[in-house]
Structures are given as C-alpha cells and as structure tokens.
Amino acid sequence: MKKVLLSVSTMLLTMVGFAQANVSNVDQYGWLNGALVTQVGASNDSDVLQIGLANDAVVGQLGTSNEAFIGQLGVANEAAIAQDGWSNDASIVQVGAFNYSEINQKGNNNSATNWQFGFGNDSKIDQDGNDNTAFDVQGFWGNAVGISQTGIGNIASSIQLGWDNTSDIMQNGLGNFAATTQIGNDHISTINQWGAGNVAVVFQSN
C-alpha cells in the first residue's frame, strides 16, 4: 500500500511539475534577426516568429499563465511585450518595415492585440488592472496609436488605414468603451475617459 501511495504521490508531483513549466518557442528565418525571452513564474507561454532582416523581438513574462505572441515579416521591425500578473494575453503582428509595437500588461486577464501592415507605424498599449481589452490595427505608413487602460473591464479599439494618423485613448475606471476609426491621412483623435460606463466612438475620413 505504501508503495502504491508513493507511486501516486510521485506521479502527482511530476504532473504538477509539468503544469508549472514555462514554454518558449523562437523561430527565425532570414538574417540578423534578434529575440530575447525571459520567463519567471509558472505556465507562461511565449511564441516568436521572425522572417526577414534585422527584426527585433523582446518578451518578458512574470507571473502565471501569461501568453505572448510576436510575428514579424519584413525588415527592421521592433516589438516588445511585458507581462506581470496572471492570465494576460498579448499579440503583435508586424508585416512591412520599420514598425514599432510595445505592449505592457500589469494585472490579471488583460488582452491586447496590435497588427501593423506597412512602414513606420508606431503603437503602444499599457494596461494596469484586470479584464481590460485593447485592439489596434495600423495599415500603410506613419500612423501612431497610444492606448492606456487603468482599472477593470475597459475596452479600447483603434483602426488606422492611411498615413500620418494619430490616435490616443486613455481610460481610467470601470467598464468604459472607446473606438476610433481613421481612414485617409493626417487625422488626430484623442479620447480621455474617467469613471464608469462611458462610451466614445470617433470616425474620421478624407
């Protein structure tokens, strides 16, 4: 009986060990691509895919069950993801050249996504709290977006299709919603939300 209990205990400990392992996968195709991944905690997952020339990717995960993905296709794209907490999800996709994307998450169950297609686009997403969601898409060139979320359950979306557009969204509170769509060039949009349950929608085109 003791042998059976010992075997079961060993099996359970082994299973726990597997469950707590961090996983990192880096695939690089091309020349002079660079990737740096740091994972401290348990059950964190990081995937980096680089195809092209001189792309740089940095992932830092601290906590439990965080997920990060960086996909880069092109030349001299830069991406960074920092996660501190539990069950955060971050994804960056860059297709083109000289794009920059940064996602910082602190808290639990936050989700952030940035897609960049083109040249010289700039994106930064900061999340501090729980259950916040941010999504932004940038197409063509020279677009800039900044999303800052502090609190719980805020949702922000920014879509830029054109060139030299600027979108800034700041949310501080609970359950706020903000969405910006910019089509064309040289548009500027700023949304600031404090409190709870606020809704703002901006559409710009030329």
Protein backbone atom coordinates (compact mmCIF):
# COMPACT_ATOMS: atom_id res chain seq x y z
CA MET A 1 0.00 0.00 0.00
CA LYS A 2 2.84 2.35 0.87
CA LYS A 3 4.46 1.67 -2.48
CA VAL A 4 1.20 2.50 -4.26
CA LEU A 5 0.81 5.77 -2.34
CA LEU A 6 4.43 6.64 -3.04
CA SER A 7 3.96 5.96 -6.75
CA VAL A 8 0.79 8.06 -6.88
CA SER A 9 2.49 10.89 -4.99
CA THR A 10 5.44 10.82 -7.36
CA MET A 11 3.12 10.88 -10.37
CA LEU A 12 1.16 13.84 -8.98
CA LEU A 13 4.33 15.77 -8.25
CA THR A 14 5.56 15.07 -11.76
CA MET A 15 2.27 16.29 -13.22
CA VAL A 16 2.45 19.47 -11.14
CA GLY A 17 6.00 19.98 -12.33
CA PHE A 18 4.89 19.73 -15.94
CA ALA A 19 1.94 22.05 -15.33
CA GLN A 20 4.19 24.74 -13.89
CA ALA A 21 6.76 24.70 -16.67
CA ASN A 22 7.17 27.77 -18.85
CA VAL A 23 7.26 27.35 -22.62
CA SER A 24 9.19 29.46 -25.13
CA ASN A 25 9.41 28.94 -28.88
CA VAL A 26 11.50 31.09 -31.22
CA ASP A 27 11.62 30.54 -34.99
CA GLN A 28 13.89 32.76 -37.10
CA TYR A 29 14.26 32.75 -40.87
CA GLY A 30 16.49 35.26 -42.59
CA TRP A 31 19.37 37.42 -41.47
CA LEU A 32 20.30 39.36 -38.34
CA ASN A 33 17.02 38.81 -36.51
CA GLY A 34 17.16 39.06 -32.71
CA ALA A 35 14.91 37.65 -29.98
CA LEU A 36 15.14 37.83 -26.19
CA VAL A 37 12.68 35.94 -23.97
CA THR A 38 12.60 35.99 -20.16
CA GLN A 39 10.07 33.94 -18.20
CA VAL A 40 9.74 33.91 -14.40
CA GLY A 41 6.81 32.08 -12.83
CA ALA A 42 4.66 29.18 -13.96
CA SER A 43 2.82 28.08 -17.10
CA ASN A 44 3.80 31.11 -19.16
CA ASP A 45 3.87 30.69 -22.94
CA SER A 46 5.82 32.74 -25.49
CA ASP A 47 6.00 32.33 -29.27
CA VAL A 48 8.20 34.43 -31.56
CA LEU A 49 8.29 34.09 -35.35
CA GLN A 50 10.68 36.24 -37.38
CA ILE A 51 11.03 36.18 -41.16
CA GLY A 52 13.22 38.71 -42.90
CA LEU A 53 16.08 41.02 -41.99
CA ALA A 54 17.07 42.69 -38.71
CA ASN A 55 13.80 42.28 -36.85
CA ASP A 56 13.94 42.55 -33.05
CA ALA A 57 11.58 40.97 -30.50
CA VAL A 58 11.61 41.09 -26.69
CA VAL A 59 9.27 39.19 -24.36
CA GLY A 60 9.26 39.41 -20.57
CA GLN A 61 6.79 37.35 -18.54
CA LEU A 62 6.43 37.46 -14.75
CA GLY A 63 3.62 35.53 -13.10
CA THR A 64 1.37 32.66 -14.13
CA SER A 65 -0.35 31.53 -17.33
CA ASN A 66 0.52 34.56 -19.43
CA GLU A 67 0.55 34.20 -23.22
CA ALA A 68 2.59 36.24 -25.69
CA PHE A 69 2.96 36.09 -29.47
CA ILE A 70 5.16 38.17 -31.77
CA GLY A 71 5.13 37.61 -35.53
CA GLN A 72 7.39 39.69 -37.76
CA LEU A 73 7.68 39.60 -41.54
CA GLY A 74 9.88 42.18 -43.18
CA VAL A 75 12.77 44.46 -42.32
CA ALA A 76 13.82 46.19 -39.08
CA ASN A 77 10.56 45.79 -37.21
CA GLU A 78 10.68 46.13 -33.42
CA ALA A 79 8.28 44.55 -30.91
CA ALA A 80 8.22 44.21 -27.13
CA ILE A 81 5.81 42.55 -24.71
CA ALA A 82 5.99 42.80 -20.90
CA GLN A 83 3.53 40.89 -18.73
CA ASP A 84 3.26 40.97 -14.94
CA GLY A 85 0.37 39.03 -13.41
CA TRP A 86 -1.94 36.16 -14.28
CA SER A 87 -3.58 35.02 -17.50
CA ASN A 88 -2.72 38.05 -19.60
CA ASP A 89 -2.72 37.70 -23.38
CA ALA A 90 -0.71 39.83 -25.81
CA SER A 91 -0.25 39.54 -29.57
CA ILE A 92 1.78 41.60 -32.04
CA VAL A 93 1.89 41.04 -35.81
CA GLN A 94 4.15 43.19 -37.99
CA VAL A 95 4.30 42.98 -41.77
CA GLY A 96 6.46 45.56 -43.50
CA ALA A 97 9.42 47.61 -42.35
CA PHE A 98 10.46 49.91 -39.51
CA ASN A 99 7.31 49.34 -37.46
CA TYR A 100 7.41 49.63 -33.66
CA SER A 101 4.99 48.00 -31.23
CA GLU A 102 5.00 47.77 -27.44
CA ILE A 103 2.54 46.10 -25.05
CA ASN A 104 2.79 46.39 -21.26
CA GLN A 105 0.38 44.45 -19.08
CA LYS A 106 0.13 44.52 -15.29
CA GLY A 107 -2.70 42.70 -13.55
CA ASN A 108 -4.88 39.76 -14.49
CA ASN A 109 -6.86 38.65 -17.54
CA ASN A 110 -5.93 41.58 -19.74
CA SER A 111 -5.91 41.21 -23.54
CA ALA A 112 -4.01 43.34 -26.05
CA THR A 113 -3.58 42.97 -29.81
CA ASN A 114 -1.67 45.07 -32.34
CA TRP A 115 -1.48 44.42 -36.09
CA GLN A 116 0.80 46.56 -38.25
CA PHE A 117 0.89 46.37 -42.03
CA GLY A 118 3.12 48.87 -43.79
CA PHE A 119 6.01 51.10 -42.88
CA GLY A 120 6.97 53.22 -39.90
CA ASN A 121 3.87 52.67 -37.80
CA ASP A 122 4.08 53.14 -34.02
CA SER A 123 1.89 51.53 -31.35
CA LYS A 124 1.99 51.42 -27.55
CA ILE A 125 -0.56 49.73 -25.29
CA ASP A 126 -0.40 49.98 -21.49
CA GLN A 127 -2.80 48.01 -19.28
CA ASP A 128 -2.87 48.20 -15.48
CA GLY A 129 -5.74 46.35 -13.84
CA ASN A 130 -7.97 43.40 -14.65
CA ASP A 131 -10.07 42.25 -17.61
CA ASN A 132 -9.14 45.14 -19.91
CA THR A 133 -9.18 44.70 -23.69
CA ALA A 134 -7.26 46.70 -26.30
CA PHE A 135 -7.13 46.17 -30.05
CA ASP A 136 -5.50 48.24 -32.76
CA VAL A 137 -4.81 47.84 -36.47
CA GLN A 138 -2.48 50.05 -38.49
CA GLY A 139 -2.27 49.94 -42.27
CA PHE A 140 0.04 51.82 -44.65
CA TRP A 141 2.60 54.15 -43.05
CA GLY A 142 3.45 56.66 -40.37
CA ASN A 143 0.46 56.02 -38.11
CA ALA A 144 0.71 56.35 -34.32
CA VAL A 145 -1.55 55.00 -31.60
CA GLY A 146 -1.36 55.08 -27.82
CA ILE A 147 -3.80 53.19 -25.59
CA SER A 148 -3.65 53.42 -21.80
CA GLN A 149 -6.07 51.48 -19.62
CA THR A 150 -6.23 51.62 -15.83
CA GLY A 151 -8.98 49.83 -13.95
CA ILE A 152 -11.33 46.96 -14.70
CA GLY A 153 -13.18 45.84 -17.80
CA ASN A 154 -12.31 48.72 -20.12
CA ILE A 155 -12.43 48.20 -23.90
CA ALA A 156 -10.49 50.22 -26.48
CA SER A 157 -10.21 49.87 -30.25
CA SER A 158 -8.24 51.85 -32.82
CA ILE A 159 -8.20 51.26 -36.58
CA GLN A 160 -5.95 53.32 -38.85
CA LEU A 161 -5.92 52.86 -42.63
CA GLY A 162 -3.85 55.54 -44.29
CA TRP A 163 -0.86 57.59 -43.32
CA ASP A 164 0.27 60.01 -40.62
CA ASN A 165 -2.79 59.48 -38.43
CA THR A 166 -2.66 59.84 -34.63
CA SER A 167 -4.98 58.15 -32.14
CA ASP A 168 -4.76 58.39 -28.34
CA ILE A 169 -7.11 56.64 -25.93
CA MET A 170 -6.91 56.92 -22.15
CA GLN A 171 -9.30 55.02 -19.89
CA ASN A 172 -9.30 55.17 -16.10
CA GLY A 173 -12.12 53.42 -14.33
CA LEU A 174 -14.61 50.64 -14.87
CA GLY A 175 -16.32 49.33 -17.99
CA ASN A 176 -15.55 52.20 -20.35
CA PHE A 177 -15.70 51.78 -24.15
CA ALA A 178 -13.75 53.74 -26.75
CA ALA A 179 -13.36 53.17 -30.50
CA THR A 180 -11.54 55.21 -33.13
CA THR A 181 -11.51 54.62 -36.89
CA GLN A 182 -9.29 56.74 -39.14
CA ILE A 183 -9.27 56.39 -42.93
CA GLY A 184 -7.06 58.62 -45.02
CA ASN A 185 -4.33 60.88 -43.76
CA ASP A 186 -3.36 63.40 -41.08
CA HIS A 187 -6.28 62.74 -38.72
CA ILE A 188 -5.89 63.34 -34.98
CA SER A 189 -8.16 61.81 -32.34
CA THR A 190 -7.95 61.96 -28.54
CA ILE A 191 -10.31 60.17 -26.15
CA ASN A 192 -9.99 60.50 -22.36
CA GLN A 193 -12.38 58.63 -20.09
CA TRP A 194 -12.62 58.76 -16.29
CA GLY A 195 -15.26 56.90 -14.31
CA ALA A 196 -17.54 54.04 -15.29
CA GLY A 197 -19.64 53.06 -18.27
CA ASN A 198 -18.58 55.86 -20.59
CA VAL A 199 -18.87 55.34 -24.37
CA ALA A 200 -16.98 57.22 -27.09
CA VAL A 201 -16.87 56.49 -30.83
CA VAL A 202 -14.86 58.52 -33.36
CA PHE A 203 -14.86 58.11 -37.16
CA GLN A 204 -12.57 60.20 -39.37
CA SER A 205 -12.15 60.02 -43.15
CA ASN A 206 -10.97 62.13 -46.07
